[in-house]
Amino acid sequence: MKNKLFFATKILLVASAIQLYAQDWPQYQGPKRNGTSDQKGILRTWPEKGPEILWTADLGIGFGGPVIKDGKVYLLDRNDQVNDIMRCFDFNTGAELWRYSYDAPGTAMFPGSRSVPAVDGNFVYSCGHNGDLYCIDINTHNPVWNKNIWKDFGGQELPIWAITQCPLIYGDLLLILSQAPEAGVVAYNKLTGDVVWKTPNLGNETYASPAIV
């Protein structure tokens, strides 16, 4: 079974003739991580036949989502029971520009992808099904560093819905909830992957991603 990836944001902007490019949406819930956009002139109602589909992409099943930065779309896909796959698409054409995959065997209830990446500078950050946290260079398409937010902090058998985290970049830090017994919030140096600080386990924060307030 395949899911289709649709980009209504650009369709709306083209239809309203306001801008040529959509606002960057570089992380979970948008530029300010609050689920809102500052763009003006977006259509308030759909055309009778719906928006024109400009392009689609075949993906594995799952619950992840894309981010958009500088005309490129990044998405962490999953070939369930085998590996996680970071994909980069051209925003305008839908052409897949590159991909990087790594072994991540196993499955969980409601299998598939379950995270939204974050793009910051020359790097895209993602956290996969098994807790694999990756920093990938968007120019070389290779990893700069990777950690495992579950195993590194005493995690053994994965939680019932596996690891479901959307990384947050804040200054020089990458913040994420480990979901593991020996840590709650973990702050990594975003360029090196070194742990800067961590809190004790916070309890049942398992399926929430962090935000700055």
N, C-alpha and C. Protein backbone atom coordinates (compact mmCIF):
# COMPACT_ATOMS: atom_id res chain seq x y z
N MET A 1 0.84 -1.19 0.00
CA MET A 1 0.00 0.00 0.00
C MET A 1 0.88 1.24 0.00
N LYS A 2 0.51 2.26 -0.79
CA LYS A 2 1.27 3.49 -0.88
C LYS A 2 0.40 4.68 -0.50
N ASN A 3 1.02 5.65 0.12
CA ASN A 3 0.36 6.92 0.36
C ASN A 3 0.81 7.90 -0.71
N LYS A 4 0.00 8.91 -0.98
CA LYS A 4 0.37 9.96 -1.91
C LYS A 4 0.68 11.22 -1.12
N LEU A 5 1.73 11.93 -1.54
CA LEU A 5 2.13 13.15 -0.88
C LEU A 5 1.62 14.32 -1.70
N PHE A 6 0.77 15.16 -1.11
CA PHE A 6 0.16 16.27 -1.82
C PHE A 6 0.67 17.59 -1.26
N PHE A 7 0.78 18.61 -2.09
CA PHE A 7 1.23 19.91 -1.64
C PHE A 7 0.21 20.97 -2.02
N ALA A 8 -0.80 21.11 -1.15
CA ALA A 8 -1.87 22.07 -1.38
C ALA A 8 -1.40 23.49 -1.14
N THR A 9 -0.36 23.69 -0.30
CA THR A 9 0.09 25.03 0.04
C THR A 9 0.46 25.80 -1.22
N LYS A 10 1.30 25.20 -2.06
CA LYS A 10 1.72 25.89 -3.27
C LYS A 10 0.54 26.05 -4.22
N ILE A 11 -0.32 25.07 -4.30
CA ILE A 11 -1.48 25.16 -5.16
C ILE A 11 -2.32 26.37 -4.80
N LEU A 12 -2.52 26.59 -3.53
CA LEU A 12 -3.30 27.74 -3.08
C LEU A 12 -2.64 29.04 -3.48
N LEU A 13 -1.33 29.10 -3.33
CA LEU A 13 -0.63 30.33 -3.66
C LEU A 13 -0.68 30.61 -5.16
N VAL A 14 -0.53 29.59 -5.97
CA VAL A 14 -0.61 29.77 -7.41
C VAL A 14 -2.01 30.24 -7.80
N ALA A 15 -3.01 29.62 -7.20
CA ALA A 15 -4.39 29.96 -7.54
C ALA A 15 -4.73 31.39 -7.17
N SER A 16 -4.16 31.88 -6.08
CA SER A 16 -4.48 33.23 -5.63
C SER A 16 -3.55 34.29 -6.23
N ALA A 17 -2.52 33.83 -6.98
CA ALA A 17 -1.59 34.72 -7.68
C ALA A 17 -0.92 35.72 -6.73
N ILE A 18 -0.68 35.28 -5.48
CA ILE A 18 -0.07 36.18 -4.51
C ILE A 18 1.46 36.07 -4.54
N GLN A 19 1.97 34.83 -4.56
CA GLN A 19 3.41 34.63 -4.53
C GLN A 19 3.76 33.46 -5.44
N LEU A 20 5.04 33.41 -5.82
CA LEU A 20 5.50 32.27 -6.61
C LEU A 20 5.88 31.11 -5.72
N TYR A 21 6.27 31.40 -4.48
CA TYR A 21 6.73 30.35 -3.60
C TYR A 21 6.00 30.42 -2.27
N ALA A 22 5.76 29.27 -1.70
CA ALA A 22 5.13 29.21 -0.39
C ALA A 22 6.16 29.57 0.68
N GLN A 23 5.64 29.99 1.81
CA GLN A 23 6.49 30.27 2.96
C GLN A 23 7.21 28.99 3.37
N ASP A 24 8.47 29.14 3.80
CA ASP A 24 9.18 27.98 4.34
C ASP A 24 8.42 27.44 5.54
N TRP A 25 8.46 26.13 5.66
CA TRP A 25 7.79 25.42 6.76
C TRP A 25 8.81 24.40 7.25
N PRO A 26 9.86 24.87 7.98
CA PRO A 26 11.06 24.06 8.18
C PRO A 26 11.03 23.08 9.33
N GLN A 27 9.92 23.03 10.08
CA GLN A 27 9.85 22.13 11.22
C GLN A 27 8.40 21.77 11.51
N TYR A 28 8.23 20.87 12.43
CA TYR A 28 6.91 20.46 12.90
C TYR A 28 6.07 21.68 13.30
N GLN A 29 4.89 21.78 12.74
CA GLN A 29 3.94 22.86 13.02
C GLN A 29 4.39 24.23 12.56
N GLY A 30 5.39 24.29 11.66
CA GLY A 30 5.68 25.54 10.99
C GLY A 30 6.81 26.37 11.56
N PRO A 31 7.03 27.56 10.97
CA PRO A 31 8.18 28.40 11.34
C PRO A 31 8.25 28.72 12.82
N LYS A 32 7.12 28.96 13.45
CA LYS A 32 7.09 29.30 14.87
C LYS A 32 6.66 28.13 15.75
N ARG A 33 6.52 26.96 15.13
CA ARG A 33 6.14 25.74 15.83
C ARG A 33 4.80 25.89 16.58
N ASN A 34 3.89 26.63 15.96
CA ASN A 34 2.59 26.85 16.59
C ASN A 34 1.42 26.55 15.66
N GLY A 35 1.71 25.93 14.51
CA GLY A 35 0.64 25.52 13.61
C GLY A 35 -0.01 26.64 12.84
N THR A 36 0.63 27.83 12.78
CA THR A 36 0.05 28.95 12.06
C THR A 36 1.04 29.50 11.03
N SER A 37 0.49 30.19 10.02
CA SER A 37 1.30 30.81 8.98
C SER A 37 1.01 32.31 8.94
N ASP A 38 2.05 33.11 8.67
CA ASP A 38 1.90 34.56 8.55
C ASP A 38 1.52 34.99 7.14
N GLN A 39 1.40 34.06 6.21
CA GLN A 39 1.10 34.42 4.83
C GLN A 39 -0.29 35.03 4.71
N LYS A 40 -0.41 35.96 3.75
CA LYS A 40 -1.68 36.62 3.49
C LYS A 40 -2.22 36.20 2.13
N GLY A 41 -3.52 36.35 1.95
CA GLY A 41 -4.12 36.10 0.65
C GLY A 41 -4.38 34.64 0.33
N ILE A 42 -4.31 33.79 1.31
CA ILE A 42 -4.57 32.36 1.07
C ILE A 42 -6.07 32.16 0.90
N LEU A 43 -6.43 31.30 -0.01
CA LEU A 43 -7.85 31.04 -0.27
C LEU A 43 -8.57 30.55 0.99
N ARG A 44 -9.78 31.03 1.19
CA ARG A 44 -10.59 30.63 2.34
C ARG A 44 -11.51 29.47 2.00
N THR A 45 -11.75 29.25 0.72
CA THR A 45 -12.59 28.13 0.29
C THR A 45 -11.91 27.42 -0.87
N TRP A 46 -12.20 26.12 -1.03
CA TRP A 46 -11.65 25.35 -2.14
C TRP A 46 -12.46 25.60 -3.41
N PRO A 47 -11.82 25.49 -4.58
CA PRO A 47 -12.59 25.45 -5.82
C PRO A 47 -13.57 24.27 -5.79
N GLU A 48 -14.62 24.35 -6.59
CA GLU A 48 -15.66 23.32 -6.57
C GLU A 48 -15.09 21.93 -6.78
N LYS A 49 -14.11 21.81 -7.67
CA LYS A 49 -13.52 20.50 -7.96
C LYS A 49 -12.26 20.24 -7.14
N GLY A 50 -12.02 21.10 -6.17
CA GLY A 50 -10.82 20.93 -5.36
C GLY A 50 -9.62 21.57 -6.01
N PRO A 51 -8.52 21.72 -5.27
CA PRO A 51 -7.31 22.33 -5.82
C PRO A 51 -6.66 21.42 -6.86
N GLU A 52 -6.01 22.04 -7.82
CA GLU A 52 -5.28 21.27 -8.83
C GLU A 52 -4.10 20.56 -8.17
N ILE A 53 -3.94 19.28 -8.46
CA ILE A 53 -2.80 18.52 -7.95
C ILE A 53 -1.63 18.74 -8.90
N LEU A 54 -0.57 19.32 -8.41
CA LEU A 54 0.59 19.61 -9.25
C LEU A 54 1.52 18.43 -9.37
N TRP A 55 1.70 17.68 -8.29
CA TRP A 55 2.51 16.47 -8.36
C TRP A 55 2.24 15.61 -7.13
N THR A 56 2.58 14.35 -7.22
CA THR A 56 2.46 13.41 -6.12
C THR A 56 3.75 12.59 -6.04
N ALA A 57 3.94 11.91 -4.92
CA ALA A 57 5.08 11.02 -4.75
C ALA A 57 4.62 9.77 -4.01
N ASP A 58 5.08 8.62 -4.45
CA ASP A 58 4.75 7.37 -3.78
C ASP A 58 5.61 7.21 -2.53
N LEU A 59 4.94 6.96 -1.41
CA LEU A 59 5.63 6.80 -0.14
C LEU A 59 5.12 5.57 0.58
N GLY A 60 5.88 5.13 1.58
CA GLY A 60 5.40 4.07 2.45
C GLY A 60 4.29 4.58 3.35
N ILE A 61 3.57 3.66 3.96
CA ILE A 61 2.50 4.06 4.88
C ILE A 61 3.10 4.73 6.11
N GLY A 62 2.29 5.49 6.81
CA GLY A 62 2.80 6.07 8.04
C GLY A 62 2.08 7.34 8.43
N PHE A 63 2.67 8.03 9.41
CA PHE A 63 2.05 9.18 10.05
C PHE A 63 3.00 10.38 10.09
N GLY A 64 4.06 10.34 9.30
CA GLY A 64 5.02 11.43 9.26
C GLY A 64 4.51 12.58 8.41
N GLY A 65 5.33 13.62 8.28
CA GLY A 65 4.95 14.77 7.47
C GLY A 65 6.17 15.46 6.90
N PRO A 66 5.97 16.30 5.86
CA PRO A 66 7.08 16.98 5.21
C PRO A 66 7.40 18.33 5.83
N VAL A 67 8.60 18.81 5.56
CA VAL A 67 8.97 20.19 5.84
C VAL A 67 9.49 20.81 4.54
N ILE A 68 9.46 22.15 4.47
CA ILE A 68 9.82 22.87 3.25
C ILE A 68 10.83 23.95 3.60
N LYS A 69 11.93 23.98 2.83
CA LYS A 69 12.95 25.01 3.05
C LYS A 69 13.67 25.28 1.73
N ASP A 70 13.68 26.54 1.32
CA ASP A 70 14.43 26.98 0.14
C ASP A 70 14.11 26.16 -1.10
N GLY A 71 12.84 25.93 -1.34
CA GLY A 71 12.43 25.24 -2.56
C GLY A 71 12.62 23.74 -2.56
N LYS A 72 12.88 23.17 -1.40
CA LYS A 72 13.04 21.72 -1.30
C LYS A 72 12.14 21.18 -0.20
N VAL A 73 11.71 19.95 -0.38
CA VAL A 73 10.82 19.28 0.55
C VAL A 73 11.57 18.09 1.15
N TYR A 74 11.57 17.98 2.47
CA TYR A 74 12.26 16.90 3.16
C TYR A 74 11.23 16.08 3.93
N LEU A 75 11.39 14.77 3.86
CA LEU A 75 10.45 13.89 4.54
C LEU A 75 11.15 12.61 4.95
N LEU A 76 10.89 12.16 6.19
CA LEU A 76 11.43 10.88 6.66
C LEU A 76 10.40 9.80 6.39
N ASP A 77 10.68 8.97 5.41
CA ASP A 77 9.81 7.87 5.01
C ASP A 77 10.29 6.60 5.71
N ARG A 78 9.50 5.55 5.62
CA ARG A 78 9.89 4.29 6.25
C ARG A 78 9.45 3.10 5.41
N ASN A 79 10.40 2.21 5.16
CA ASN A 79 10.12 0.90 4.60
C ASN A 79 9.97 -0.03 5.79
N ASP A 80 8.74 -0.25 6.22
CA ASP A 80 8.50 -0.88 7.51
C ASP A 80 9.20 -2.22 7.62
N GLN A 81 9.74 -2.47 8.80
CA GLN A 81 10.49 -3.67 9.18
C GLN A 81 11.90 -3.71 8.57
N VAL A 82 12.28 -2.66 7.81
CA VAL A 82 13.60 -2.68 7.16
C VAL A 82 14.42 -1.43 7.48
N ASN A 83 13.96 -0.25 7.04
CA ASN A 83 14.80 0.94 7.21
C ASN A 83 13.99 2.22 7.20
N ASP A 84 14.64 3.29 7.67
CA ASP A 84 14.13 4.65 7.55
C ASP A 84 14.80 5.30 6.35
N ILE A 85 14.10 6.23 5.70
CA ILE A 85 14.61 6.84 4.47
C ILE A 85 14.36 8.35 4.52
N MET A 86 15.42 9.15 4.53
CA MET A 86 15.27 10.59 4.38
C MET A 86 15.21 10.89 2.88
N ARG A 87 14.15 11.56 2.45
CA ARG A 87 13.98 11.90 1.03
C ARG A 87 13.96 13.42 0.88
N CYS A 88 14.51 13.89 -0.23
CA CYS A 88 14.46 15.30 -0.58
C CYS A 88 13.86 15.43 -1.97
N PHE A 89 12.81 16.28 -2.09
CA PHE A 89 12.11 16.50 -3.35
C PHE A 89 12.25 17.96 -3.78
N ASP A 90 12.19 18.19 -5.08
CA ASP A 90 12.06 19.55 -5.60
C ASP A 90 10.64 20.03 -5.36
N PHE A 91 10.48 21.17 -4.70
CA PHE A 91 9.16 21.66 -4.35
C PHE A 91 8.30 21.94 -5.57
N ASN A 92 8.92 22.40 -6.67
CA ASN A 92 8.16 22.82 -7.83
C ASN A 92 7.76 21.66 -8.74
N THR A 93 8.60 20.65 -8.85
CA THR A 93 8.36 19.58 -9.81
C THR A 93 8.02 18.24 -9.17
N GLY A 94 8.38 18.05 -7.90
CA GLY A 94 8.17 16.76 -7.26
C GLY A 94 9.26 15.76 -7.54
N ALA A 95 10.27 16.15 -8.31
CA ALA A 95 11.37 15.23 -8.60
C ALA A 95 12.13 14.91 -7.32
N GLU A 96 12.43 13.63 -7.10
CA GLU A 96 13.23 13.25 -5.93
C GLU A 96 14.69 13.58 -6.23
N LEU A 97 15.26 14.45 -5.42
CA LEU A 97 16.62 14.92 -5.66
C LEU A 97 17.66 14.00 -5.04
N TRP A 98 17.36 13.48 -3.86
CA TRP A 98 18.28 12.54 -3.21
C TRP A 98 17.57 11.83 -2.08
N ARG A 99 18.22 10.77 -1.60
CA ARG A 99 17.71 10.05 -0.44
C ARG A 99 18.88 9.47 0.34
N TYR A 100 18.65 9.27 1.64
CA TYR A 100 19.62 8.58 2.48
C TYR A 100 18.85 7.62 3.37
N SER A 101 19.23 6.36 3.37
CA SER A 101 18.54 5.36 4.17
C SER A 101 19.51 4.67 5.12
N TYR A 102 18.96 4.15 6.22
CA TYR A 102 19.76 3.42 7.19
C TYR A 102 18.91 2.29 7.78
N ASP A 103 19.57 1.26 8.25
CA ASP A 103 18.87 0.10 8.80
C ASP A 103 18.11 0.50 10.06
N ALA A 104 16.84 0.12 10.11
CA ALA A 104 16.00 0.35 11.29
C ALA A 104 14.94 -0.73 11.34
N PRO A 105 15.34 -1.98 11.62
CA PRO A 105 14.40 -3.09 11.55
C PRO A 105 13.36 -3.04 12.67
N GLY A 106 12.24 -3.70 12.43
CA GLY A 106 11.21 -3.82 13.45
C GLY A 106 9.91 -3.17 13.02
N THR A 107 8.88 -3.42 13.80
CA THR A 107 7.59 -2.83 13.52
C THR A 107 6.88 -2.55 14.84
N ALA A 108 5.79 -1.82 14.76
CA ALA A 108 5.02 -1.46 15.95
C ALA A 108 3.56 -1.37 15.56
N MET A 109 2.70 -1.25 16.56
CA MET A 109 1.29 -1.04 16.27
C MET A 109 1.14 0.22 15.42
N PHE A 110 0.30 0.17 14.39
CA PHE A 110 0.16 1.25 13.42
C PHE A 110 1.53 1.56 12.80
N PRO A 111 2.04 0.65 11.98
CA PRO A 111 3.41 0.75 11.49
C PRO A 111 3.60 1.91 10.51
N GLY A 112 4.87 2.24 10.27
CA GLY A 112 5.22 3.25 9.28
C GLY A 112 5.93 4.44 9.89
N SER A 113 6.09 5.48 9.10
CA SER A 113 6.76 6.70 9.55
C SER A 113 5.92 7.38 10.62
N ARG A 114 6.58 8.19 11.47
CA ARG A 114 5.85 8.82 12.58
C ARG A 114 6.58 10.05 13.11
N SER A 115 7.21 10.80 12.20
CA SER A 115 7.98 11.96 12.65
C SER A 115 8.03 13.01 11.55
N VAL A 116 8.29 14.25 11.96
CA VAL A 116 8.49 15.37 11.03
C VAL A 116 9.92 15.88 11.25
N PRO A 117 10.72 16.01 10.20
CA PRO A 117 12.10 16.49 10.35
C PRO A 117 12.14 17.97 10.71
N ALA A 118 13.36 18.49 10.87
CA ALA A 118 13.61 19.92 11.05
C ALA A 118 14.82 20.29 10.20
N VAL A 119 14.72 21.40 9.46
CA VAL A 119 15.83 21.88 8.64
C VAL A 119 16.38 23.15 9.28
N ASP A 120 17.70 23.17 9.45
CA ASP A 120 18.36 24.33 10.06
C ASP A 120 19.72 24.49 9.38
N GLY A 121 19.94 25.65 8.73
CA GLY A 121 21.20 25.85 8.03
C GLY A 121 21.40 24.82 6.94
N ASN A 122 22.53 24.16 6.95
CA ASN A 122 22.86 23.15 5.93
C ASN A 122 22.51 21.74 6.36
N PHE A 123 21.65 21.60 7.37
CA PHE A 123 21.40 20.27 7.93
C PHE A 123 19.91 20.00 8.07
N VAL A 124 19.56 18.74 7.88
CA VAL A 124 18.21 18.28 8.18
C VAL A 124 18.32 17.24 9.29
N TYR A 125 17.47 17.39 10.30
CA TYR A 125 17.50 16.53 11.48
C TYR A 125 16.23 15.70 11.52
N SER A 126 16.37 14.44 11.88
CA SER A 126 15.19 13.57 11.95
C SER A 126 15.37 12.52 13.02
N CYS A 127 14.24 12.01 13.51
CA CYS A 127 14.25 10.93 14.50
C CYS A 127 13.34 9.83 14.01
N GLY A 128 13.89 8.64 13.86
CA GLY A 128 13.15 7.54 13.26
C GLY A 128 12.41 6.67 14.26
N HIS A 129 11.75 5.69 13.71
CA HIS A 129 10.91 4.70 14.39
C HIS A 129 11.59 4.09 15.60
N ASN A 130 12.91 3.78 15.48
CA ASN A 130 13.65 3.10 16.55
C ASN A 130 14.42 4.06 17.45
N GLY A 131 14.22 5.37 17.26
CA GLY A 131 14.93 6.35 18.06
C GLY A 131 16.23 6.82 17.45
N ASP A 132 16.45 6.50 16.17
CA ASP A 132 17.68 6.92 15.50
C ASP A 132 17.60 8.40 15.15
N LEU A 133 18.42 9.20 15.81
CA LEU A 133 18.46 10.64 15.61
C LEU A 133 19.62 10.95 14.66
N TYR A 134 19.29 11.56 13.52
CA TYR A 134 20.29 11.82 12.48
C TYR A 134 20.38 13.30 12.17
N CYS A 135 21.61 13.76 11.97
CA CYS A 135 21.91 15.05 11.38
C CYS A 135 22.53 14.77 10.02
N ILE A 136 21.86 15.19 8.95
CA ILE A 136 22.32 14.90 7.58
C ILE A 136 22.62 16.22 6.88
N ASP A 137 23.77 16.29 6.23
CA ASP A 137 24.17 17.46 5.46
C ASP A 137 23.35 17.51 4.18
N ILE A 138 22.63 18.61 3.93
CA ILE A 138 21.74 18.67 2.77
C ILE A 138 22.52 18.88 1.47
N ASN A 139 23.82 19.17 1.56
CA ASN A 139 24.64 19.34 0.36
C ASN A 139 25.36 18.06 -0.03
N THR A 140 25.92 17.36 0.95
CA THR A 140 26.61 16.10 0.65
C THR A 140 25.67 14.90 0.70
N HIS A 141 24.52 15.07 1.38
CA HIS A 141 23.51 14.01 1.54
C HIS A 141 24.00 12.88 2.43
N ASN A 142 24.99 13.15 3.23
CA ASN A 142 25.55 12.16 4.14
C ASN A 142 25.38 12.60 5.58
N PRO A 143 25.32 11.63 6.51
CA PRO A 143 25.16 11.99 7.92
C PRO A 143 26.41 12.66 8.49
N VAL A 144 26.17 13.65 9.34
CA VAL A 144 27.25 14.31 10.08
C VAL A 144 27.42 13.62 11.42
N TRP A 145 26.31 13.28 12.06
CA TRP A 145 26.34 12.49 13.29
C TRP A 145 25.00 11.80 13.47
N ASN A 146 25.02 10.77 14.28
CA ASN A 146 23.76 10.11 14.64
C ASN A 146 23.87 9.49 16.03
N LYS A 147 22.74 9.48 16.73
CA LYS A 147 22.63 8.91 18.08
C LYS A 147 21.35 8.08 18.12
N ASN A 148 21.15 7.37 19.22
CA ASN A 148 19.89 6.68 19.42
C ASN A 148 19.30 7.15 20.75
N ILE A 149 18.20 7.92 20.68
CA ILE A 149 17.65 8.55 21.88
C ILE A 149 16.97 7.55 22.81
N TRP A 150 16.75 6.35 22.35
CA TRP A 150 16.12 5.30 23.15
C TRP A 150 17.18 4.44 23.82
N LYS A 151 18.05 3.80 23.04
CA LYS A 151 19.04 2.89 23.59
C LYS A 151 20.10 3.60 24.42
N ASP A 152 20.44 4.83 24.04
CA ASP A 152 21.49 5.55 24.76
C ASP A 152 21.10 5.89 26.19
N PHE A 153 19.81 5.83 26.50
CA PHE A 153 19.34 6.20 27.84
C PHE A 153 18.53 5.08 28.49
N GLY A 154 19.00 3.84 28.24
CA GLY A 154 18.46 2.70 28.96
C GLY A 154 17.21 2.06 28.37
N GLY A 155 16.80 2.48 27.19
CA GLY A 155 15.64 1.87 26.56
C GLY A 155 15.94 0.48 26.05
N GLN A 156 14.99 -0.43 26.20
CA GLN A 156 15.17 -1.80 25.70
C GLN A 156 14.06 -2.13 24.70
N GLU A 157 13.00 -2.78 25.12
CA GLU A 157 11.90 -3.03 24.19
C GLU A 157 11.20 -1.71 23.87
N LEU A 158 10.96 -1.47 22.58
CA LEU A 158 10.37 -0.20 22.17
C LEU A 158 8.97 -0.02 22.76
N PRO A 159 8.55 1.23 22.99
CA PRO A 159 7.18 1.50 23.43
C PRO A 159 6.17 0.97 22.41
N ILE A 160 4.92 0.87 22.81
CA ILE A 160 3.90 0.24 21.97
C ILE A 160 3.77 0.89 20.60
N TRP A 161 3.95 2.23 20.52
CA TRP A 161 3.88 2.92 19.23
C TRP A 161 5.25 3.40 18.77
N ALA A 162 6.30 2.74 19.26
CA ALA A 162 7.69 3.06 18.91
C ALA A 162 8.03 4.49 19.32
N ILE A 163 9.03 5.09 18.67
CA ILE A 163 9.49 6.43 19.03
C ILE A 163 8.85 7.44 18.07
N THR A 164 8.21 8.44 18.64
CA THR A 164 7.46 9.41 17.83
C THR A 164 7.87 10.82 18.24
N GLN A 165 9.00 11.26 17.73
CA GLN A 165 9.54 12.56 18.13
C GLN A 165 9.87 13.44 16.93
N CYS A 166 9.56 14.73 17.06
CA CYS A 166 9.88 15.73 16.04
C CYS A 166 10.94 16.66 16.64
N PRO A 167 12.17 16.64 16.13
CA PRO A 167 13.25 17.44 16.74
C PRO A 167 12.95 18.94 16.71
N LEU A 168 13.46 19.64 17.73
CA LEU A 168 13.34 21.09 17.84
C LEU A 168 14.74 21.69 17.90
N ILE A 169 15.02 22.64 16.99
CA ILE A 169 16.28 23.37 17.02
C ILE A 169 16.07 24.68 17.76
N TYR A 170 16.94 24.95 18.75
CA TYR A 170 16.84 26.16 19.56
C TYR A 170 18.25 26.68 19.80
N GLY A 171 18.64 27.73 19.09
CA GLY A 171 20.01 28.21 19.19
C GLY A 171 20.98 27.15 18.71
N ASP A 172 21.93 26.79 19.55
CA ASP A 172 22.93 25.78 19.20
C ASP A 172 22.50 24.37 19.60
N LEU A 173 21.26 24.25 20.09
CA LEU A 173 20.82 22.97 20.64
C LEU A 173 19.78 22.29 19.77
N LEU A 174 19.76 20.98 19.82
CA LEU A 174 18.65 20.17 19.33
C LEU A 174 17.99 19.58 20.56
N LEU A 175 16.70 19.84 20.73
CA LEU A 175 15.95 19.36 21.89
C LEU A 175 14.99 18.26 21.46
N ILE A 176 14.90 17.22 22.28
CA ILE A 176 14.03 16.09 21.96
C ILE A 176 13.71 15.34 23.26
N LEU A 177 12.59 14.64 23.28
CA LEU A 177 12.25 13.80 24.43
C LEU A 177 12.72 12.38 24.13
N SER A 178 13.49 11.81 25.03
CA SER A 178 14.09 10.51 24.74
C SER A 178 13.10 9.36 24.82
N GLN A 179 12.03 9.53 25.61
CA GLN A 179 11.06 8.46 25.89
C GLN A 179 11.68 7.30 26.66
N ALA A 180 12.95 7.40 27.07
CA ALA A 180 13.67 6.29 27.71
C ALA A 180 13.68 6.44 29.23
N PRO A 181 14.01 5.36 29.95
CA PRO A 181 13.95 5.40 31.42
C PRO A 181 14.93 6.36 32.08
N GLU A 182 16.07 6.64 31.43
CA GLU A 182 17.13 7.39 32.09
C GLU A 182 17.21 8.85 31.65
N ALA A 183 16.23 9.34 30.90
CA ALA A 183 16.26 10.72 30.47
C ALA A 183 14.86 11.18 30.09
N GLY A 184 14.63 12.48 30.23
CA GLY A 184 13.38 13.07 29.77
C GLY A 184 13.66 13.91 28.55
N VAL A 185 13.86 15.22 28.76
CA VAL A 185 14.30 16.09 27.67
C VAL A 185 15.81 15.97 27.55
N VAL A 186 16.29 15.84 26.31
CA VAL A 186 17.73 15.79 26.06
C VAL A 186 18.09 16.92 25.11
N ALA A 187 19.15 17.67 25.45
CA ALA A 187 19.67 18.73 24.60
C ALA A 187 21.01 18.29 24.02
N TYR A 188 21.08 18.20 22.70
CA TYR A 188 22.31 17.86 22.00
C TYR A 188 22.90 19.12 21.36
N ASN A 189 24.21 19.17 21.26
CA ASN A 189 24.83 20.16 20.39
C ASN A 189 24.43 19.83 18.96
N LYS A 190 23.79 20.76 18.27
CA LYS A 190 23.22 20.43 16.96
C LYS A 190 24.27 20.13 15.90
N LEU A 191 25.52 20.59 16.11
CA LEU A 191 26.56 20.37 15.11
C LEU A 191 27.39 19.13 15.37
N THR A 192 27.47 18.70 16.63
CA THR A 192 28.34 17.57 16.98
C THR A 192 27.59 16.35 17.49
N GLY A 193 26.37 16.54 18.00
CA GLY A 193 25.64 15.42 18.59
C GLY A 193 26.00 15.15 20.04
N ASP A 194 26.90 15.95 20.62
CA ASP A 194 27.26 15.77 22.02
C ASP A 194 26.07 16.15 22.91
N VAL A 195 25.87 15.40 24.00
CA VAL A 195 24.82 15.74 24.95
C VAL A 195 25.29 16.93 25.78
N VAL A 196 24.51 18.02 25.78
CA VAL A 196 24.83 19.22 26.54
C VAL A 196 24.19 19.14 27.92
N TRP A 197 22.94 18.72 27.98
CA TRP A 197 22.26 18.48 29.26
C TRP A 197 21.07 17.57 29.03
N LYS A 198 20.57 17.01 30.11
CA LYS A 198 19.36 16.20 30.06
C LYS A 198 18.64 16.32 31.40
N THR A 199 17.34 16.07 31.38
CA THR A 199 16.56 16.03 32.61
C THR A 199 16.34 14.57 33.00
N PRO A 200 15.94 14.31 34.23
CA PRO A 200 15.48 12.97 34.57
C PRO A 200 14.22 12.63 33.75
N ASN A 201 13.88 11.36 33.75
CA ASN A 201 12.64 10.94 33.10
C ASN A 201 11.47 11.73 33.66
N LEU A 202 10.60 12.24 32.79
CA LEU A 202 9.51 13.12 33.21
C LEU A 202 8.19 12.39 33.41
N GLY A 203 8.18 11.09 33.20
CA GLY A 203 6.92 10.37 33.29
C GLY A 203 6.33 10.14 31.92
N ASN A 204 5.03 10.22 31.81
CA ASN A 204 4.36 9.84 30.56
C ASN A 204 4.28 11.02 29.58
N GLU A 205 5.44 11.51 29.16
CA GLU A 205 5.49 12.53 28.12
C GLU A 205 5.69 11.90 26.74
N THR A 206 5.52 10.61 26.66
CA THR A 206 6.04 9.80 25.56
C THR A 206 5.76 10.33 24.18
N TYR A 207 4.53 10.68 23.85
CA TYR A 207 4.21 10.99 22.46
C TYR A 207 3.99 12.48 22.23
N ALA A 208 4.69 13.31 23.00
CA ALA A 208 4.68 14.75 22.78
C ALA A 208 6.06 15.18 22.30
N SER A 209 6.11 16.16 21.37
CA SER A 209 7.36 16.74 20.95
C SER A 209 7.52 18.10 21.62
N PRO A 210 8.77 18.53 21.91
CA PRO A 210 8.97 19.75 22.68
C PRO A 210 8.66 21.01 21.89
N ALA A 211 8.36 22.08 22.62
CA ALA A 211 8.17 23.41 22.05
C ALA A 211 8.74 24.43 23.03
N ILE A 212 9.15 25.59 22.52
CA ILE A 212 9.65 26.68 23.36
C ILE A 212 8.51 27.63 23.65
N VAL A 213 8.28 27.93 24.93
CA VAL A 213 7.21 28.85 25.30
C VAL A 213 7.77 29.91 26.26
